């Protein structure tokens, strides 16, 4: 799973958000490292909806414009959970390997 996809699903895990809310949440979750552009975001949202990982929660008109809110589906929560476990395993393997390096406190 690509990092932006992971962060979009993470942003939607707690509550439904509209597109700009997702952009802000992803920036906050990544410490500012990932800055989604609108075109990238909406392409990803369309793809995630096609995969059944997210769906439209509701739409509301704000200042004459339609604001669409997205929510994580059970399928999306499962995919996110699986990715969390994969990342956890990889981080643990990396940590184990780093401890084996003499300069990082491992055996000489």
PDB file of N, CA and C in Angstrom:
ATOM      1  N   UNK A   1       0.851  -1.179   0.000  1.00  0.00           N
ATOM      2  CA  UNK A   1       0.000   0.000   0.000  1.00  0.00           C
ATOM      3  C   UNK A   1       0.896   1.241   0.000  1.00  0.00           C
ATOM      4  N   UNK A   2       0.593   2.159  -0.877  1.00  0.00           N
ATOM      5  CA  UNK A   2       1.363   3.407  -0.960  1.00  0.00           C
ATOM      6  C   UNK A   2       1.097   4.265   0.282  1.00  0.00           C
ATOM      7  N   UNK A   3       2.096   5.048   0.675  1.00  0.00           N
ATOM      8  CA  UNK A   3       1.955   5.880   1.867  1.00  0.00           C
ATOM      9  C   UNK A   3       0.755   6.828   1.807  1.00  0.00           C
ATOM     10  N   UNK A   4       0.519   7.532   0.694  1.00  0.00           N
ATOM     11  CA  UNK A   4      -0.658   8.410   0.668  1.00  0.00           C
ATOM     12  C   UNK A   4      -1.970   7.645   0.889  1.00  0.00           C
ATOM     13  N   UNK A   5      -2.092   6.456   0.313  1.00  0.00           N
ATOM     14  CA  UNK A   5      -3.286   5.641   0.513  1.00  0.00           C
ATOM     15  C   UNK A   5      -3.434   5.260   1.978  1.00  0.00           C
ATOM     16  N   UNK A   6      -2.341   4.814   2.579  1.00  0.00           N
ATOM     17  CA  UNK A   6      -2.337   4.466   4.001  1.00  0.00           C
ATOM     18  C   UNK A   6      -2.793   5.653   4.842  1.00  0.00           C
ATOM     19  N   UNK A   7      -2.287   6.828   4.541  1.00  0.00           N
ATOM     20  CA  UNK A   7      -2.636   8.017   5.322  1.00  0.00           C
ATOM     21  C   UNK A   7      -4.076   8.468   5.082  1.00  0.00           C
ATOM     22  N   UNK A   8      -4.580   8.313   3.869  1.00  0.00           N
ATOM     23  CA  UNK A   8      -5.977   8.654   3.586  1.00  0.00           C
ATOM     24  C   UNK A   8      -6.897   7.739   4.387  1.00  0.00           C
ATOM     25  N   UNK A   9      -6.625   6.437   4.352  1.00  0.00           N
ATOM     26  CA  UNK A   9      -7.445   5.501   5.124  1.00  0.00           C
ATOM     27  C   UNK A   9      -7.340   5.798   6.620  1.00  0.00           C
ATOM     28  N   UNK A  10      -6.145   6.131   7.078  1.00  0.00           N
ATOM     29  CA  UNK A  10      -5.944   6.475   8.490  1.00  0.00           C
ATOM     30  C   UNK A  10      -6.743   7.721   8.855  1.00  0.00           C
ATOM     31  N   UNK A  11      -6.725   8.713   7.981  1.00  0.00           N
ATOM     32  CA  UNK A  11      -7.471   9.949   8.234  1.00  0.00           C
ATOM     33  C   UNK A  11      -8.962   9.679   8.377  1.00  0.00           C
ATOM     34  N   UNK A  12      -9.470   8.723   7.623  1.00  0.00           N
ATOM     35  CA  UNK A  12     -10.898   8.422   7.638  1.00  0.00           C
ATOM     36  C   UNK A  12     -11.282   7.384   8.691  1.00  0.00           C
ATOM     37  N   UNK A  13     -10.316   6.840   9.409  1.00  0.00           N
ATOM     38  CA  UNK A  13     -10.593   5.777  10.376  1.00  0.00           C
ATOM     39  C   UNK A  13     -11.457   6.249  11.541  1.00  0.00           C
ATOM     40  N   UNK A  14     -11.268   7.458  11.997  1.00  0.00           N
ATOM     41  CA  UNK A  14     -11.972   7.933  13.192  1.00  0.00           C
ATOM     42  C   UNK A  14     -13.335   8.536  12.876  1.00  0.00           C
ATOM     43  N   UNK A  15     -13.426   9.224  11.738  1.00  0.00           N
ATOM     44  CA  UNK A  15     -14.673   9.922  11.425  1.00  0.00           C
ATOM     45  C   UNK A  15     -14.717  10.273   9.937  1.00  0.00           C
ATOM     46  N   UNK A  16     -15.923  10.474   9.399  1.00  0.00           N
ATOM     47  CA  UNK A  16     -16.026  10.914   8.009  1.00  0.00           C
ATOM     48  C   UNK A  16     -15.430  12.318   7.846  1.00  0.00           C
ATOM     49  N   UNK A  17     -14.790  12.537   6.710  1.00  0.00           N
ATOM     50  CA  UNK A  17     -14.192  13.838   6.399  1.00  0.00           C
ATOM     51  C   UNK A  17     -14.486  14.200   4.957  1.00  0.00           C
ATOM     52  N   UNK A  18     -14.533  15.499   4.673  1.00  0.00           N
ATOM     53  CA  UNK A  18     -14.624  15.947   3.287  1.00  0.00           C
ATOM     54  C   UNK A  18     -13.206  16.049   2.739  1.00  0.00           C
ATOM     55  N   UNK A  19     -13.093  16.267   1.454  1.00  0.00           N
ATOM     56  CA  UNK A  19     -11.791  16.237   0.794  1.00  0.00           C
ATOM     57  C   UNK A  19     -10.743  17.119   1.431  1.00  0.00           C
ATOM     58  N   UNK A  20     -11.078  18.384   1.681  1.00  0.00           N
ATOM     59  CA  UNK A  20     -10.093  19.283   2.274  1.00  0.00           C
ATOM     60  C   UNK A  20      -9.734  18.831   3.685  1.00  0.00           C
ATOM     61  N   UNK A  21     -10.700  18.279   4.401  1.00  0.00           N
ATOM     62  CA  UNK A  21     -10.426  17.732   5.730  1.00  0.00           C
ATOM     63  C   UNK A  21      -9.437  16.579   5.662  1.00  0.00           C
ATOM     64  N   UNK A  22      -9.555  15.743   4.616  1.00  0.00           N
ATOM     65  CA  UNK A  22      -8.612  14.641   4.421  1.00  0.00           C
ATOM     66  C   UNK A  22      -7.219  15.205   4.153  1.00  0.00           C
ATOM     67  N   UNK A  23      -7.124  16.221   3.310  1.00  0.00           N
ATOM     68  CA  UNK A  23      -5.826  16.848   3.005  1.00  0.00           C
ATOM     69  C   UNK A  23      -5.175  17.359   4.282  1.00  0.00           C
ATOM     70  N   UNK A  24      -5.944  18.054   5.111  1.00  0.00           N
ATOM     71  CA  UNK A  24      -5.401  18.586   6.372  1.00  0.00           C
ATOM     72  C   UNK A  24      -4.999  17.472   7.328  1.00  0.00           C
ATOM     73  N   UNK A  25      -5.824  16.446   7.426  1.00  0.00           N
ATOM     74  CA  UNK A  25      -5.529  15.335   8.326  1.00  0.00           C
ATOM     75  C   UNK A  25      -4.280  14.574   7.892  1.00  0.00           C
ATOM     76  N   UNK A  26      -4.150  14.317   6.605  1.00  0.00           N
ATOM     77  CA  UNK A  26      -2.965  13.620   6.093  1.00  0.00           C
ATOM     78  C   UNK A  26      -1.699  14.436   6.388  1.00  0.00           C
ATOM     79  N   UNK A  27      -1.765  15.737   6.187  1.00  0.00           N
ATOM     80  CA  UNK A  27      -0.603  16.589   6.486  1.00  0.00           C
ATOM     81  C   UNK A  27      -0.255  16.490   7.969  1.00  0.00           C
ATOM     82  N   UNK A  28      -1.259  16.531   8.838  1.00  0.00           N
ATOM     83  CA  UNK A  28      -1.008  16.445  10.281  1.00  0.00           C
ATOM     84  C   UNK A  28      -0.473  15.070  10.671  1.00  0.00           C
ATOM     85  N   UNK A  29      -1.074  14.006  10.144  1.00  0.00           N
ATOM     86  CA  UNK A  29      -0.635  12.647  10.469  1.00  0.00           C
ATOM     87  C   UNK A  29       0.803  12.392  10.049  1.00  0.00           C
ATOM     88  N   UNK A  30       1.208  13.009   8.947  1.00  0.00           N
ATOM     89  CA  UNK A  30       2.560  12.779   8.417  1.00  0.00           C
ATOM     90  C   UNK A  30       3.565  13.804   8.926  1.00  0.00           C
ATOM     91  N   UNK A  31       3.149  14.655   9.843  1.00  0.00           N
ATOM     92  CA  UNK A  31       4.061  15.692  10.331  1.00  0.00           C
ATOM     93  C   UNK A  31       4.439  16.674   9.239  1.00  0.00           C
ATOM     94  N   UNK A  32       3.556  16.830   8.252  1.00  0.00           N
ATOM     95  CA  UNK A  32       3.815  17.754   7.151  1.00  0.00           C
ATOM     96  C   UNK A  32       4.621  17.153   6.011  1.00  0.00           C
ATOM     97  N   UNK A  33       5.023  15.893   6.140  1.00  0.00           N
ATOM     98  CA  UNK A  33       5.826  15.252   5.085  1.00  0.00           C
ATOM     99  C   UNK A  33       5.017  14.940   3.830  1.00  0.00           C
ATOM    100  N   UNK A  34       3.725  14.653   3.983  1.00  0.00           N
ATOM    101  CA  UNK A  34       2.876  14.315   2.826  1.00  0.00           C
ATOM    102  C   UNK A  34       1.852  15.423   2.653  1.00  0.00           C
ATOM    103  N   UNK A  35       1.933  16.071   1.503  1.00  0.00           N
ATOM    104  CA  UNK A  35       0.996  17.148   1.168  1.00  0.00           C
ATOM    105  C   UNK A  35       0.245  16.733  -0.090  1.00  0.00           C
ATOM    106  N   UNK A  36      -0.988  16.298   0.103  1.00  0.00           N
ATOM    107  CA  UNK A  36      -1.788  15.849  -1.032  1.00  0.00           C
ATOM    108  C   UNK A  36      -2.334  17.032  -1.813  1.00  0.00           C
ATOM    109  N   UNK A  37      -2.283  16.930  -3.119  1.00  0.00           N
ATOM    110  CA  UNK A  37      -2.942  17.905  -3.980  1.00  0.00           C
ATOM    111  C   UNK A  37      -4.334  17.385  -4.282  1.00  0.00           C
ATOM    112  N   UNK A  38      -5.231  18.296  -4.591  1.00  0.00           N
ATOM    113  CA  UNK A  38      -6.634  17.930  -4.811  1.00  0.00           C
ATOM    114  C   UNK A  38      -6.785  16.847  -5.885  1.00  0.00           C
ATOM    115  N   UNK A  39      -6.090  16.990  -6.999  1.00  0.00           N
ATOM    116  CA  UNK A  39      -6.204  16.005  -8.072  1.00  0.00           C
ATOM    117  C   UNK A  39      -5.758  14.623  -7.636  1.00  0.00           C
ATOM    118  N   UNK A  40      -4.664  14.565  -6.895  1.00  0.00           N
ATOM    119  CA  UNK A  40      -4.161  13.298  -6.371  1.00  0.00           C
ATOM    120  C   UNK A  40      -5.155  12.704  -5.389  1.00  0.00           C
ATOM    121  N   UNK A  41      -5.671  13.543  -4.493  1.00  0.00           N
ATOM    122  CA  UNK A  41      -6.611  13.072  -3.486  1.00  0.00           C
ATOM    123  C   UNK A  41      -7.869  12.493  -4.131  1.00  0.00           C
ATOM    124  N   UNK A  42      -8.485  13.238  -5.026  1.00  0.00           N
ATOM    125  CA  UNK A  42      -9.754  12.777  -5.581  1.00  0.00           C
ATOM    126  C   UNK A  42      -9.582  11.548  -6.465  1.00  0.00           C
ATOM    127  N   UNK A  43      -8.451  11.414  -7.126  1.00  0.00           N
ATOM    128  CA  UNK A  43      -8.156  10.182  -7.857  1.00  0.00           C
ATOM    129  C   UNK A  43      -8.041   9.001  -6.900  1.00  0.00           C
ATOM    130  N   UNK A  44      -7.361   9.216  -5.781  1.00  0.00           N
ATOM    131  CA  UNK A  44      -7.210   8.157  -4.774  1.00  0.00           C
ATOM    132  C   UNK A  44      -8.556   7.824  -4.142  1.00  0.00           C
ATOM    133  N   UNK A  45      -9.370   8.840  -3.846  1.00  0.00           N
ATOM    134  CA  UNK A  45     -10.684   8.590  -3.262  1.00  0.00           C
ATOM    135  C   UNK A  45     -11.561   7.779  -4.214  1.00  0.00           C
ATOM    136  N   UNK A  46     -11.517   8.104  -5.500  1.00  0.00           N
ATOM    137  CA  UNK A  46     -12.285   7.341  -6.492  1.00  0.00           C
ATOM    138  C   UNK A  46     -11.822   5.886  -6.525  1.00  0.00           C
ATOM    139  N   UNK A  47     -10.519   5.673  -6.526  1.00  0.00           N
ATOM    140  CA  UNK A  47      -9.961   4.315  -6.557  1.00  0.00           C
ATOM    141  C   UNK A  47     -10.341   3.540  -5.299  1.00  0.00           C
ATOM    142  N   UNK A  48     -10.223   4.191  -4.135  1.00  0.00           N
ATOM    143  CA  UNK A  48     -10.573   3.528  -2.873  1.00  0.00           C
ATOM    144  C   UNK A  48     -12.058   3.204  -2.808  1.00  0.00           C
ATOM    145  N   UNK A  49     -12.892   4.065  -3.375  1.00  0.00           N
ATOM    146  CA  UNK A  49     -14.332   3.790  -3.430  1.00  0.00           C
ATOM    147  C   UNK A  49     -14.618   2.599  -4.345  1.00  0.00           C
ATOM    148  N   UNK A  50     -13.931   2.538  -5.494  1.00  0.00           N
ATOM    149  CA  UNK A  50     -14.095   1.406  -6.412  1.00  0.00           C
ATOM    150  C   UNK A  50     -13.690   0.100  -5.748  1.00  0.00           C
ATOM    151  N   UNK A  51     -12.672   0.145  -4.886  1.00  0.00           N
ATOM    152  CA  UNK A  51     -12.201  -1.049  -4.176  1.00  0.00           C
ATOM    153  C   UNK A  51     -13.089  -1.390  -2.978  1.00  0.00           C
ATOM    154  N   UNK A  52     -14.024  -0.508  -2.651  1.00  0.00           N
ATOM    155  CA  UNK A  52     -14.911  -0.745  -1.527  1.00  0.00           C
ATOM    156  C   UNK A  52     -14.328  -0.380  -0.171  1.00  0.00           C
ATOM    157  N   UNK A  53     -13.192   0.330  -0.161  1.00  0.00           N
ATOM    158  CA  UNK A  53     -12.539   0.691   1.103  1.00  0.00           C
ATOM    159  C   UNK A  53     -13.127   1.944   1.743  1.00  0.00           C
ATOM    160  N   UNK A  54     -13.735   2.794   0.926  1.00  0.00           N
ATOM    161  CA  UNK A  54     -14.403   3.991   1.441  1.00  0.00           C
ATOM    162  C   UNK A  54     -15.719   4.145   0.705  1.00  0.00           C
ATOM    163  N   UNK A  55     -16.595   4.975   1.258  1.00  0.00           N
ATOM    164  CA  UNK A  55     -17.840   5.298   0.574  1.00  0.00           C
ATOM    165  C   UNK A  55     -18.267   6.694   0.987  1.00  0.00           C
ATOM    166  N   UNK A  56     -19.157   7.255   0.190  1.00  0.00           N
ATOM    167  CA  UNK A  56     -19.682   8.576   0.515  1.00  0.00           C
ATOM    168  C   UNK A  56     -20.584   8.439   1.729  1.00  0.00           C
ATOM    169  N   UNK A  57     -20.316   9.245   2.735  1.00  0.00           N
ATOM    170  CA  UNK A  57     -21.109   9.246   3.967  1.00  0.00           C
ATOM    171  C   UNK A  57     -22.309  10.170   3.821  1.00  0.00           C
ATOM    172  N   UNK A  58     -22.041  11.370   3.281  1.00  0.00           N
ATOM    173  CA  UNK A  58     -23.107  12.351   3.076  1.00  0.00           C
ATOM    174  C   UNK A  58     -22.581  13.470   2.187  1.00  0.00           C
ATOM    175  N   UNK A  59     -23.496  14.281   1.707  1.00  0.00           N
ATOM    176  CA  UNK A  59     -23.149  15.470   0.937  1.00  0.00           C
ATOM    177  C   UNK A  59     -23.913  16.639   1.529  1.00  0.00           C
ATOM    178  N   UNK A  60     -23.271  17.800   1.536  1.00  0.00           N
ATOM    179  CA  UNK A  60     -23.956  19.004   2.000  1.00  0.00           C
ATOM    180  C   UNK A  60     -23.490  20.188   1.171  1.00  0.00           C
ATOM    181  N   UNK A  61     -24.379  21.143   1.000  1.00  0.00           N
ATOM    182  CA  UNK A  61     -24.038  22.350   0.251  1.00  0.00           C
ATOM    183  C   UNK A  61     -23.465  23.381   1.216  1.00  0.00           C
ATOM    184  N   UNK A  62     -22.300  23.918   0.849  1.00  0.00           N
ATOM    185  CA  UNK A  62     -21.642  24.952   1.647  1.00  0.00           C
ATOM    186  C   UNK A  62     -21.241  26.060   0.685  1.00  0.00           C
ATOM    187  N   UNK A  63     -21.770  27.253   0.910  1.00  0.00           N
ATOM    188  CA  UNK A  63     -21.482  28.396   0.037  1.00  0.00           C
ATOM    189  C   UNK A  63     -21.750  28.071  -1.435  1.00  0.00           C
ATOM    190  N   UNK A  64     -22.830  27.360  -1.687  1.00  0.00           N
ATOM    191  CA  UNK A  64     -23.209  27.044  -3.057  1.00  0.00           C
ATOM    192  C   UNK A  64     -22.423  25.917  -3.693  1.00  0.00           C
ATOM    193  N   UNK A  65     -21.527  25.298  -2.930  1.00  0.00           N
ATOM    194  CA  UNK A  65     -20.732  24.187  -3.471  1.00  0.00           C
ATOM    195  C   UNK A  65     -21.072  22.920  -2.698  1.00  0.00           C
ATOM    196  N   UNK A  66     -21.033  21.801  -3.407  1.00  0.00           N
ATOM    197  CA  UNK A  66     -21.326  20.526  -2.780  1.00  0.00           C
ATOM    198  C   UNK A  66     -20.083  20.008  -2.063  1.00  0.00           C
ATOM    199  N   UNK A  67     -20.220  19.696  -0.796  1.00  0.00           N
ATOM    200  CA  UNK A  67     -19.124  19.126  -0.008  1.00  0.00           C
ATOM    201  C   UNK A  67     -19.479  17.670   0.266  1.00  0.00           C
ATOM    202  N   UNK A  68     -18.633  16.775  -0.208  1.00  0.00           N
ATOM    203  CA  UNK A  68     -18.859  15.337  -0.058  1.00  0.00           C
ATOM    204  C   UNK A  68     -17.974  14.804   1.072  1.00  0.00           C
ATOM    205  N   UNK A  69     -18.596  14.091   1.988  1.00  0.00           N
ATOM    206  CA  UNK A  69     -17.875  13.464   3.105  1.00  0.00           C
ATOM    207  C   UNK A  69     -17.698  11.982   2.813  1.00  0.00           C
ATOM    208  N   UNK A  70     -16.529  11.468   3.128  1.00  0.00           N
ATOM    209  CA  UNK A  70     -16.206  10.067   2.903  1.00  0.00           C
ATOM    210  C   UNK A  70     -16.003   9.374   4.238  1.00  0.00           C
ATOM    211  N   UNK A  71     -16.324   8.078   4.262  1.00  0.00           N
ATOM    212  CA  UNK A  71     -16.081   7.312   5.470  1.00  0.00           C
ATOM    213  C   UNK A  71     -15.422   5.988   5.114  1.00  0.00           C
ATOM    214  N   UNK A  72     -14.702   5.443   6.076  1.00  0.00           N
ATOM    215  CA  UNK A  72     -14.036   4.164   5.924  1.00  0.00           C
ATOM    216  C   UNK A  72     -15.079   3.045   6.045  1.00  0.00           C
ATOM    217  N   UNK A  73     -15.022   2.077   5.161  1.00  0.00           N
ATOM    218  CA  UNK A  73     -15.910   0.916   5.241  1.00  0.00           C
ATOM    219  C   UNK A  73     -15.229  -0.166   6.081  1.00  0.00           C
ATOM    220  N   UNK A  74     -15.958  -1.222   6.377  1.00  0.00           N
ATOM    221  CA  UNK A  74     -15.354  -2.346   7.096  1.00  0.00           C
ATOM    222  C   UNK A  74     -14.213  -2.954   6.277  1.00  0.00           C
ATOM    223  N   UNK A  75     -14.401  -3.023   4.974  1.00  0.00           N
ATOM    224  CA  UNK A  75     -13.344  -3.523   4.091  1.00  0.00           C
ATOM    225  C   UNK A  75     -12.098  -2.636   4.187  1.00  0.00           C
ATOM    226  N   UNK A  76     -12.312  -1.325   4.207  1.00  0.00           N
ATOM    227  CA  UNK A  76     -11.197  -0.391   4.332  1.00  0.00           C
ATOM    228  C   UNK A  76     -10.502  -0.514   5.667  1.00  0.00           C
ATOM    229  N   UNK A  77     -11.282  -0.708   6.731  1.00  0.00           N
ATOM    230  CA  UNK A  77     -10.694  -0.887   8.066  1.00  0.00           C
ATOM    231  C   UNK A  77      -9.853  -2.161   8.100  1.00  0.00           C
ATOM    232  N   UNK A  78     -10.334  -3.209   7.437  1.00  0.00           N
ATOM    233  CA  UNK A  78      -9.560  -4.455   7.363  1.00  0.00           C
ATOM    234  C   UNK A  78      -8.265  -4.278   6.596  1.00  0.00           C
ATOM    235  N   UNK A  79      -8.333  -3.563   5.477  1.00  0.00           N
ATOM    236  CA  UNK A  79      -7.122  -3.313   4.681  1.00  0.00           C
ATOM    237  C   UNK A  79      -6.135  -2.463   5.467  1.00  0.00           C
ATOM    238  N   UNK A  80      -6.635  -1.452   6.170  1.00  0.00           N
ATOM    239  CA  UNK A  80      -5.762  -0.595   6.985  1.00  0.00           C
ATOM    240  C   UNK A  80      -5.138  -1.394   8.112  1.00  0.00           C
ATOM    241  N   UNK A  81      -5.915  -2.221   8.767  1.00  0.00           N
ATOM    242  CA  UNK A  81      -5.403  -3.046   9.859  1.00  0.00           C
ATOM    243  C   UNK A  81      -4.309  -4.001   9.365  1.00  0.00           C
ATOM    244  N   UNK A  82      -4.537  -4.613   8.212  1.00  0.00           N
ATOM    245  CA  UNK A  82      -3.536  -5.521   7.635  1.00  0.00           C
ATOM    246  C   UNK A  82      -2.249  -4.767   7.312  1.00  0.00           C
ATOM    247  N   UNK A  83      -2.381  -3.550   6.808  1.00  0.00           N
ATOM    248  CA  UNK A  83      -1.201  -2.754   6.484  1.00  0.00           C
ATOM    249  C   UNK A  83      -0.459  -2.336   7.742  1.00  0.00           C
ATOM    250  N   UNK A  84      -1.189  -2.007   8.801  1.00  0.00           N
ATOM    251  CA  UNK A  84      -0.557  -1.667  10.087  1.00  0.00           C
ATOM    252  C   UNK A  84       0.283  -2.851  10.564  1.00  0.00           C
ATOM    253  N   UNK A  85      -0.266  -4.050  10.483  1.00  0.00           N
ATOM    254  CA  UNK A  85       0.472  -5.240  10.917  1.00  0.00           C
ATOM    255  C   UNK A  85       1.697  -5.481  10.036  1.00  0.00           C
ATOM    256  N   UNK A  86       1.558  -5.292   8.734  1.00  0.00           N
ATOM    257  CA  UNK A  86       2.701  -5.462   7.828  1.00  0.00           C
ATOM    258  C   UNK A  86       3.808  -4.477   8.163  1.00  0.00           C
ATOM    259  N   UNK A  87       3.434  -3.214   8.378  1.00  0.00           N
ATOM    260  CA  UNK A  87       4.424  -2.193   8.725  1.00  0.00           C
ATOM    261  C   UNK A  87       5.074  -2.489  10.074  1.00  0.00           C
ATOM    262  N   UNK A  88       4.281  -2.976  11.011  1.00  0.00           N
ATOM    263  CA  UNK A  88       4.807  -3.325  12.332  1.00  0.00           C
ATOM    264  C   UNK A  88       5.851  -4.439  12.213  1.00  0.00           C
ATOM    265  N   UNK A  89       5.546  -5.465  11.413  1.00  0.00           N
ATOM    266  CA  UNK A  89       6.513  -6.560  11.205  1.00  0.00           C
ATOM    267  C   UNK A  89       7.792  -6.044  10.566  1.00  0.00           C
ATOM    268  N   UNK A  90       7.644  -5.209   9.541  1.00  0.00           N
ATOM    269  CA  UNK A  90       8.823  -4.667   8.865  1.00  0.00           C
ATOM    270  C   UNK A  90       9.648  -3.783   9.781  1.00  0.00           C
ATOM    271  N   UNK A  91       8.988  -2.958  10.590  1.00  0.00           N
ATOM    272  CA  UNK A  91       9.710  -2.098  11.530  1.00  0.00           C
ATOM    273  C   UNK A  91      10.451  -2.940  12.569  1.00  0.00           C
ATOM    274  N   UNK A  92       9.821  -4.004  13.018  1.00  0.00           N
ATOM    275  CA  UNK A  92      10.459  -4.891  13.995  1.00  0.00           C
ATOM    276  C   UNK A  92      11.689  -5.574  13.387  1.00  0.00           C
ATOM    277  N   UNK A  93      11.568  -6.016  12.151  1.00  0.00           N
ATOM    278  CA  UNK A  93      12.704  -6.649  11.471  1.00  0.00           C
ATOM    279  C   UNK A  93      13.844  -5.648  11.305  1.00  0.00           C
ATOM    280  N   UNK A  94      13.519  -4.420  10.932  1.00  0.00           N
ATOM    281  CA  UNK A  94      14.551  -3.391  10.772  1.00  0.00           C
ATOM    282  C   UNK A  94      15.219  -3.092  12.111  1.00  0.00           C
ATOM    283  N   UNK A  95      14.423  -2.999  13.160  1.00  0.00           N
ATOM    284  CA  UNK A  95      14.970  -2.732  14.489  1.00  0.00           C
ATOM    285  C   UNK A  95      15.911  -3.860  14.928  1.00  0.00           C
ATOM    286  N   UNK A  96      15.531  -5.091  14.673  1.00  0.00           N
ATOM    287  CA  UNK A  96      16.373  -6.239  15.006  1.00  0.00           C
ATOM    288  C   UNK A  96      17.697  -6.163  14.254  1.00  0.00           C
ATOM    289  N   UNK A  97      17.622  -5.849  12.976  1.00  0.00           N
ATOM    290  CA  UNK A  97      18.852  -5.758  12.179  1.00  0.00           C
ATOM    291  C   UNK A  97      19.741  -4.606  12.654  1.00  0.00           C
ATOM    292  N   UNK A  98      19.140  -3.489  12.991  1.00  0.00           N
ATOM    293  CA  UNK A  98      19.924  -2.351  13.480  1.00  0.00           C
ATOM    294  C   UNK A  98      20.627  -2.665  14.795  1.00  0.00           C
ATOM    295  N   UNK A  99      19.966  -3.413  15.662  1.00  0.00           N
ATOM    296  CA  UNK A  99      20.590  -3.783  16.944  1.00  0.00           C
ATOM    297  C   UNK A  99      21.805  -4.663  16.734  1.00  0.00           C
ATOM    298  N   UNK A 100      21.867  -5.358  15.621  1.00  0.00           N
ATOM    299  CA  UNK A 100      23.012  -6.221  15.315  1.00  0.00           C
ATOM    300  C   UNK A 100      24.220  -5.424  14.834  1.00  0.00           C
ATOM    301  N   UNK A 101      24.006  -4.170  14.471  1.00  0.00           N
ATOM    302  CA  UNK A 101      25.120  -3.316  14.039  1.00  0.00           C
ATOM    303  C   UNK A 101      25.949  -2.907  15.237  1.00  0.00           C
ATOM    304  N   UNK A 102      27.256  -3.075  15.171  1.00  0.00           N
ATOM    305  CA  UNK A 102      28.112  -2.687  16.304  1.00  0.00           C
ATOM    306  C   UNK A 102      27.941  -1.224  16.712  1.00  0.00           C
ATOM    307  N   UNK A 103      27.761  -0.329  15.752  1.00  0.00           N
ATOM    308  CA  UNK A 103      27.654   1.092  16.081  1.00  0.00           C
ATOM    309  C   UNK A 103      26.331   1.462  16.717  1.00  0.00           C
ATOM    310  N   UNK A 104      25.345   0.548  16.726  1.00  0.00           N
ATOM    311  CA  UNK A 104      24.041   0.809  17.322  1.00  0.00           C
ATOM    312  C   UNK A 104      23.830  -0.021  18.592  1.00  0.00           C
ATOM    313  N   UNK A 105      24.917  -0.435  19.224  1.00  0.00           N
ATOM    314  CA  UNK A 105      24.786  -1.140  20.497  1.00  0.00           C
ATOM    315  C   UNK A 105      24.671  -2.637  20.373  1.00  0.00           C
ATOM    316  N   UNK A 106      24.867  -3.168  19.175  1.00  0.00           N
ATOM    317  CA  UNK A 106      24.796  -4.613  19.007  1.00  0.00           C
ATOM    318  C   UNK A 106      26.129  -5.265  19.361  1.00  0.00           C
ATOM    319  N   UNK A 107      26.205  -6.546  19.111  1.00  0.00           N
ATOM    320  CA  UNK A 107      27.429  -7.298  19.415  1.00  0.00           C
ATOM    321  C   UNK A 107      28.574  -6.827  18.532  1.00  0.00           C
ATOM    322  N   UNK A 108      29.769  -6.885  19.067  1.00  0.00           N
ATOM    323  CA  UNK A 108      30.954  -6.428  18.327  1.00  0.00           C
ATOM    324  C   UNK A 108      31.454  -7.463  17.373  1.00  0.00           C
TER     325      UNK A 108
END
